[in-house]
Structures are given as C-alpha cells and as structure tokens.
Amino acid sequence: MDYTTEAILEGIELSKNDVLNYIYRKFFPDTCRFVENNSGTNEDARDLFQEAIIVIYRKLKKAPLVLT
C-alpha cells in the first residue's frame, strides 16, 4: 500500500505504526545507502533517519505543515 504525502504527515503526527513502518520500508534503504556511501555507518543512517522523523513530528505538533 502506498500513502499520499498528506497521509504520511498525518501518520507521523498521530504516531501511526503502519505509516511509520511504511516510511522506514520505503525511504530508509536509500538514506542508508547515501550515508554509507559518504563514510557513515548503518547506525549513523538510523540515527539520522530517526532524528528527521522526530523533527517532522515536532513541527507538525506546533503548526500545520504546508507543502509547496
């Protein structure tokens, strides 16, 4: 199943496990490959990815996120 951008943002805001799992399955492999190709480790990639999700979550809790 694919999610729309809006559904992904809502899923992050509501901490929906199915959406968070989808995000990891769909986007983490490319992030990991990028980090590892730039002298990072899998653990670095996981930390970076997790921090990015947290930043998005916090921004969504403060105010609606407008995508342009």
N, C-alpha and C. Protein backbone atom coordinates (compact mmCIF):
# COMPACT_ATOMS: atom_id res chain seq x y z
N MET A 1 0.84 -1.18 0.00
CA MET A 1 0.00 0.00 0.00
C MET A 1 0.89 1.24 0.00
N ASP A 2 0.54 2.20 -0.83
CA ASP A 2 1.22 3.48 -0.85
C ASP A 2 0.36 4.51 -0.15
N TYR A 3 1.02 5.45 0.50
CA TYR A 3 0.34 6.54 1.20
C TYR A 3 0.60 7.85 0.48
N THR A 4 -0.37 8.73 0.51
CA THR A 4 -0.16 10.08 -0.02
C THR A 4 0.73 10.84 0.95
N THR A 5 1.27 11.93 0.48
CA THR A 5 2.11 12.77 1.36
C THR A 5 1.30 13.23 2.56
N GLU A 6 0.07 13.61 2.33
CA GLU A 6 -0.79 14.07 3.42
C GLU A 6 -1.02 12.95 4.44
N ALA A 7 -1.24 11.74 3.96
CA ALA A 7 -1.46 10.60 4.85
C ALA A 7 -0.19 10.28 5.65
N ILE A 8 0.97 10.45 5.03
CA ILE A 8 2.23 10.22 5.73
C ILE A 8 2.39 11.24 6.84
N LEU A 9 2.16 12.51 6.53
CA LEU A 9 2.29 13.55 7.55
C LEU A 9 1.30 13.32 8.69
N GLU A 10 0.09 12.96 8.37
CA GLU A 10 -0.91 12.67 9.41
C GLU A 10 -0.47 11.47 10.25
N GLY A 11 0.06 10.47 9.58
CA GLY A 11 0.53 9.28 10.29
C GLY A 11 1.67 9.58 11.24
N ILE A 12 2.58 10.47 10.81
CA ILE A 12 3.67 10.89 11.70
C ILE A 12 3.10 11.64 12.88
N GLU A 13 2.22 12.58 12.61
CA GLU A 13 1.64 13.40 13.68
C GLU A 13 0.89 12.55 14.70
N LEU A 14 0.20 11.51 14.24
CA LEU A 14 -0.59 10.66 15.12
C LEU A 14 0.17 9.41 15.58
N SER A 15 1.43 9.32 15.19
CA SER A 15 2.29 8.18 15.55
C SER A 15 1.67 6.84 15.16
N LYS A 16 1.14 6.78 13.95
CA LYS A 16 0.54 5.54 13.46
C LYS A 16 1.63 4.56 13.03
N ASN A 17 1.65 3.41 13.68
CA ASN A 17 2.69 2.42 13.41
C ASN A 17 2.73 1.96 11.97
N ASP A 18 1.57 1.77 11.35
CA ASP A 18 1.57 1.29 9.96
C ASP A 18 2.22 2.31 9.03
N VAL A 19 1.98 3.59 9.27
CA VAL A 19 2.58 4.63 8.44
C VAL A 19 4.08 4.74 8.72
N LEU A 20 4.46 4.70 9.99
CA LEU A 20 5.88 4.78 10.33
C LEU A 20 6.65 3.59 9.75
N ASN A 21 6.07 2.41 9.81
CA ASN A 21 6.71 1.23 9.20
C ASN A 21 6.84 1.41 7.69
N TYR A 22 5.82 1.96 7.05
CA TYR A 22 5.85 2.23 5.61
C TYR A 22 7.00 3.19 5.27
N ILE A 23 7.13 4.26 6.07
CA ILE A 23 8.18 5.24 5.84
C ILE A 23 9.55 4.57 5.89
N TYR A 24 9.76 3.75 6.91
CA TYR A 24 11.04 3.06 7.03
C TYR A 24 11.28 2.11 5.86
N ARG A 25 10.28 1.33 5.49
CA ARG A 25 10.45 0.39 4.38
C ARG A 25 10.74 1.11 3.07
N LYS A 26 10.04 2.20 2.83
CA LYS A 26 10.14 2.89 1.53
C LYS A 26 11.35 3.81 1.43
N PHE A 27 11.69 4.52 2.49
CA PHE A 27 12.69 5.57 2.40
C PHE A 27 14.02 5.28 3.10
N PHE A 28 14.03 4.40 4.07
CA PHE A 28 15.28 4.16 4.79
C PHE A 28 16.38 3.53 3.93
N PRO A 29 16.08 2.57 3.07
CA PRO A 29 17.18 1.96 2.29
C PRO A 29 17.98 2.98 1.48
N ASP A 30 17.32 3.94 0.85
CA ASP A 30 18.05 4.96 0.09
C ASP A 30 18.86 5.86 1.02
N THR A 31 18.28 6.20 2.16
CA THR A 31 19.00 7.02 3.14
C THR A 31 20.24 6.28 3.63
N CYS A 32 20.08 5.02 3.95
CA CYS A 32 21.19 4.21 4.44
C CYS A 32 22.29 4.12 3.38
N ARG A 33 21.92 3.86 2.15
CA ARG A 33 22.89 3.77 1.07
C ARG A 33 23.66 5.09 0.92
N PHE A 34 22.93 6.21 0.99
CA PHE A 34 23.57 7.52 0.88
C PHE A 34 24.57 7.74 2.01
N VAL A 35 24.17 7.46 3.23
CA VAL A 35 25.04 7.66 4.39
C VAL A 35 26.27 6.75 4.29
N GLU A 36 26.06 5.49 3.96
CA GLU A 36 27.18 4.56 3.87
C GLU A 36 28.14 4.93 2.73
N ASN A 37 27.60 5.48 1.64
CA ASN A 37 28.46 5.90 0.52
C ASN A 37 29.24 7.17 0.85
N ASN A 38 28.90 7.80 1.96
CA ASN A 38 29.58 9.03 2.38
C ASN A 38 30.25 8.83 3.74
N SER A 39 30.84 7.64 3.91
CA SER A 39 31.67 7.29 5.06
C SER A 39 30.90 7.15 6.37
N GLY A 40 29.58 6.97 6.31
CA GLY A 40 28.80 6.73 7.51
C GLY A 40 28.51 5.26 7.68
N THR A 41 27.87 4.94 8.79
CA THR A 41 27.51 3.55 9.08
C THR A 41 25.99 3.39 9.03
N ASN A 42 25.57 2.13 9.10
CA ASN A 42 24.15 1.85 9.16
C ASN A 42 23.54 2.51 10.40
N GLU A 43 24.26 2.47 11.50
CA GLU A 43 23.78 3.10 12.73
C GLU A 43 23.67 4.62 12.56
N ASP A 44 24.62 5.23 11.87
CA ASP A 44 24.53 6.67 11.57
C ASP A 44 23.26 6.97 10.78
N ALA A 45 23.00 6.12 9.80
CA ALA A 45 21.82 6.31 8.96
C ALA A 45 20.55 6.18 9.79
N ARG A 46 20.49 5.21 10.68
CA ARG A 46 19.32 5.03 11.54
C ARG A 46 19.11 6.24 12.44
N ASP A 47 20.21 6.75 13.01
CA ASP A 47 20.11 7.93 13.87
C ASP A 47 19.61 9.14 13.08
N LEU A 48 20.17 9.34 11.90
CA LEU A 48 19.77 10.45 11.05
C LEU A 48 18.30 10.35 10.66
N PHE A 49 17.89 9.16 10.26
CA PHE A 49 16.51 8.94 9.82
C PHE A 49 15.54 9.18 10.97
N GLN A 50 15.86 8.63 12.13
CA GLN A 50 15.00 8.80 13.31
C GLN A 50 14.90 10.27 13.69
N GLU A 51 16.01 10.97 13.67
CA GLU A 51 16.01 12.40 14.02
C GLU A 51 15.15 13.19 13.04
N ALA A 52 15.21 12.84 11.77
CA ALA A 52 14.40 13.54 10.77
C ALA A 52 12.91 13.33 11.05
N ILE A 53 12.52 12.11 11.40
CA ILE A 53 11.11 11.84 11.73
C ILE A 53 10.70 12.64 12.96
N ILE A 54 11.57 12.72 13.94
CA ILE A 54 11.26 13.48 15.16
C ILE A 54 11.10 14.97 14.84
N VAL A 55 11.96 15.51 14.01
CA VAL A 55 11.86 16.93 13.63
C VAL A 55 10.53 17.19 12.93
N ILE A 56 10.16 16.32 12.01
CA ILE A 56 8.88 16.48 11.31
C ILE A 56 7.73 16.40 12.31
N TYR A 57 7.79 15.44 13.21
CA TYR A 57 6.75 15.27 14.23
C TYR A 57 6.59 16.55 15.06
N ARG A 58 7.70 17.09 15.53
CA ARG A 58 7.65 18.30 16.36
C ARG A 58 7.09 19.49 15.59
N LYS A 59 7.48 19.61 14.33
CA LYS A 59 6.95 20.71 13.50
C LYS A 59 5.45 20.56 13.30
N LEU A 60 5.00 19.34 13.10
CA LEU A 60 3.57 19.11 12.90
C LEU A 60 2.78 19.42 14.16
N LYS A 61 3.35 19.18 15.32
CA LYS A 61 2.67 19.45 16.58
C LYS A 61 2.56 20.95 16.85
N LYS A 62 3.50 21.74 16.34
CA LYS A 62 3.49 23.18 16.55
C LYS A 62 2.49 23.89 15.64
N ALA A 63 2.48 23.50 14.38
CA ALA A 63 1.63 24.18 13.40
C ALA A 63 1.48 23.27 12.18
N PRO A 64 0.42 23.47 11.43
CA PRO A 64 0.25 22.67 10.21
C PRO A 64 1.44 22.88 9.27
N LEU A 65 1.88 21.83 8.66
CA LEU A 65 2.99 21.89 7.73
C LEU A 65 2.42 22.12 6.34
N VAL A 66 2.86 23.16 5.68
CA VAL A 66 2.37 23.49 4.35
C VAL A 66 3.43 23.08 3.33
N LEU A 67 3.05 22.22 2.44
CA LEU A 67 3.96 21.75 1.40
C LEU A 67 3.74 22.56 0.13
N THR A 68 4.82 23.00 -0.46
CA THR A 68 4.71 23.75 -1.71
C THR A 68 5.56 23.12 -2.78
